[in-house]
C-alpha atoms as a PDB file:
ATOM      1  CA  UNK A   1     -19.734 -25.103  -1.040  1.00  0.00           C
ATOM      2  CA  UNK A   2     -22.243 -22.767   0.599  1.00  0.00           C
ATOM      3  CA  UNK A   3     -25.197 -25.079  -0.037  1.00  0.00           C
ATOM      4  CA  UNK A   4     -23.456 -28.024   1.598  1.00  0.00           C
ATOM      5  CA  UNK A   5     -21.853 -26.016   4.437  1.00  0.00           C
ATOM      6  CA  UNK A   6     -18.415 -27.094   3.226  1.00  0.00           C
ATOM      7  CA  UNK A   7     -16.386 -24.768   5.469  1.00  0.00           C
ATOM      8  CA  UNK A   8     -12.960 -25.967   4.251  1.00  0.00           C
ATOM      9  CA  UNK A   9     -13.934 -25.309   0.615  1.00  0.00           C
ATOM     10  CA  UNK A  10     -15.431 -21.936   1.508  1.00  0.00           C
ATOM     11  CA  UNK A  11     -12.201 -21.020   3.302  1.00  0.00           C
ATOM     12  CA  UNK A  12     -10.243 -22.149   0.235  1.00  0.00           C
ATOM     13  CA  UNK A  13     -12.374 -19.974  -2.036  1.00  0.00           C
ATOM     14  CA  UNK A  14     -12.007 -17.022   0.333  1.00  0.00           C
ATOM     15  CA  UNK A  15      -8.237 -17.481   0.232  1.00  0.00           C
ATOM     16  CA  UNK A  16      -8.316 -17.490  -3.570  1.00  0.00           C
ATOM     17  CA  UNK A  17     -10.348 -14.261  -3.577  1.00  0.00           C
ATOM     18  CA  UNK A  18      -8.003 -12.476  -1.178  1.00  0.00           C
ATOM     19  CA  UNK A  19      -4.645 -13.583  -2.583  1.00  0.00           C
ATOM     20  CA  UNK A  20      -2.705 -11.844  -5.296  1.00  0.00           C
ATOM     21  CA  UNK A  21      -1.875  -8.359  -6.450  1.00  0.00           C
ATOM     22  CA  UNK A  22      -5.228  -7.368  -7.919  1.00  0.00           C
ATOM     23  CA  UNK A  23      -7.076  -4.362  -6.546  1.00  0.00           C
ATOM     24  CA  UNK A  24     -10.045  -6.524  -5.566  1.00  0.00           C
ATOM     25  CA  UNK A  25      -7.878  -9.093  -3.720  1.00  0.00           C
ATOM     26  CA  UNK A  26      -6.049  -6.353  -1.838  1.00  0.00           C
ATOM     27  CA  UNK A  27      -9.319  -4.606  -0.937  1.00  0.00           C
ATOM     28  CA  UNK A  28     -10.938  -7.827   0.254  1.00  0.00           C
ATOM     29  CA  UNK A  29      -7.911  -8.905   2.285  1.00  0.00           C
ATOM     30  CA  UNK A  30      -7.037  -5.575   3.898  1.00  0.00           C
ATOM     31  CA  UNK A  31     -10.336  -3.751   4.161  1.00  0.00           C
ATOM     32  CA  UNK A  32     -13.252  -6.130   3.871  1.00  0.00           C
ATOM     33  CA  UNK A  33     -11.760  -8.853   6.053  1.00  0.00           C
ATOM     34  CA  UNK A  34      -8.585  -7.511   7.644  1.00  0.00           C
ATOM     35  CA  UNK A  35     -10.119  -4.313   9.006  1.00  0.00           C
ATOM     36  CA  UNK A  36     -13.782  -5.194   9.352  1.00  0.00           C
ATOM     37  CA  UNK A  37     -13.463  -8.639  10.965  1.00  0.00           C
ATOM     38  CA  UNK A  38     -11.658  -7.367  14.086  1.00  0.00           C
ATOM     39  CA  UNK A  39     -14.102  -4.460  14.321  1.00  0.00           C
ATOM     40  CA  UNK A  40     -17.073  -6.834  14.050  1.00  0.00           C
ATOM     41  CA  UNK A  41     -15.564  -9.156  16.649  1.00  0.00           C
ATOM     42  CA  UNK A  42     -15.136  -6.165  18.995  1.00  0.00           C
ATOM     43  CA  UNK A  43     -18.756  -5.106  18.527  1.00  0.00           C
ATOM     44  CA  UNK A  44     -20.085  -8.650  18.924  1.00  0.00           C
ATOM     45  CA  UNK A  45     -18.003  -9.077  22.086  1.00  0.00           C
ATOM     46  CA  UNK A  46     -19.433  -5.848  23.492  1.00  0.00           C
ATOM     47  CA  UNK A  47     -22.959  -7.050  22.693  1.00  0.00           C
ATOM     48  CA  UNK A  48     -22.278 -10.384  24.397  1.00  0.00           C
ATOM     49  CA  UNK A  49     -20.879  -8.648  27.468  1.00  0.00           C
ATOM     50  CA  UNK A  50     -23.851  -6.298  27.769  1.00  0.00           C
ATOM     51  CA  UNK A  51     -26.254  -9.136  28.544  1.00  0.00           C
ATOM     52  CA  UNK A  52     -29.332 -10.350  26.772  1.00  0.00           C
ATOM     53  CA  UNK A  53     -29.292 -12.570  23.731  1.00  0.00           C
ATOM     54  CA  UNK A  54     -27.917 -10.672  20.752  1.00  0.00           C
ATOM     55  CA  UNK A  55     -28.515 -11.768  17.179  1.00  0.00           C
ATOM     56  CA  UNK A  56     -25.853 -10.983  14.599  1.00  0.00           C
ATOM     57  CA  UNK A  57     -25.984 -11.608  10.870  1.00  0.00           C
ATOM     58  CA  UNK A  58     -22.804 -11.318   8.802  1.00  0.00           C
ATOM     59  CA  UNK A  59     -21.720 -12.381   5.351  1.00  0.00           C
ATOM     60  CA  UNK A  60     -20.233 -15.778   4.642  1.00  0.00           C
ATOM     61  CA  UNK A  61     -16.666 -14.650   3.984  1.00  0.00           C
ATOM     62  CA  UNK A  62     -16.513 -13.165   7.488  1.00  0.00           C
ATOM     63  CA  UNK A  63     -17.145 -16.613   8.983  1.00  0.00           C
ATOM     64  CA  UNK A  64     -14.214 -18.626   7.653  1.00  0.00           C
ATOM     65  CA  UNK A  65     -10.483 -18.825   8.149  1.00  0.00           C
ATOM     66  CA  UNK A  66      -8.060 -17.965  10.895  1.00  0.00           C
ATOM     67  CA  UNK A  67      -8.931 -14.270  10.586  1.00  0.00           C
ATOM     68  CA  UNK A  68     -12.701 -14.866  10.478  1.00  0.00           C
ATOM     69  CA  UNK A  69     -15.015 -13.451  13.107  1.00  0.00           C
ATOM     70  CA  UNK A  70     -15.589 -16.822  14.850  1.00  0.00           C
ATOM     71  CA  UNK A  71     -11.831 -17.401  15.119  1.00  0.00           C
ATOM     72  CA  UNK A  72     -11.296 -13.886  16.467  1.00  0.00           C
ATOM     73  CA  UNK A  73     -14.043 -14.378  19.051  1.00  0.00           C
ATOM     74  CA  UNK A  74     -12.458 -17.667  20.154  1.00  0.00           C
ATOM     75  CA  UNK A  75      -9.120 -15.859  20.545  1.00  0.00           C
ATOM     76  CA  UNK A  76     -10.911 -13.398  22.831  1.00  0.00           C
ATOM     77  CA  UNK A  77     -12.163 -16.220  25.034  1.00  0.00           C
ATOM     78  CA  UNK A  78     -15.704 -16.658  23.737  1.00  0.00           C
ATOM     79  CA  UNK A  79     -17.148 -20.088  23.127  1.00  0.00           C
ATOM     80  CA  UNK A  80     -18.153 -20.359  19.474  1.00  0.00           C
ATOM     81  CA  UNK A  81     -20.213 -23.202  18.087  1.00  0.00           C
ATOM     82  CA  UNK A  82     -20.742 -23.814  14.390  1.00  0.00           C
ATOM     83  CA  UNK A  83     -24.410 -24.569  13.683  1.00  0.00           C
ATOM     84  CA  UNK A  84     -24.460 -24.608   9.903  1.00  0.00           C
END
């Protein structure tokens, strides 16, 4: 899915990894994505608002789904374009 930029499949896999009662699913859903994604979106927004041309690199799971960083940035009024 990563090699072919199959975003729907990546989102599906992310959902599988973050669903269920296991410790790892709970950690990924609540902490890795649920807490960090909004924080990253806040920091990226601040960088965008400060001028210049920021470069940000984040892991793949932070890019997909309705709670992903791109979706959160769109909700905050930023224009987001998928290039991959």
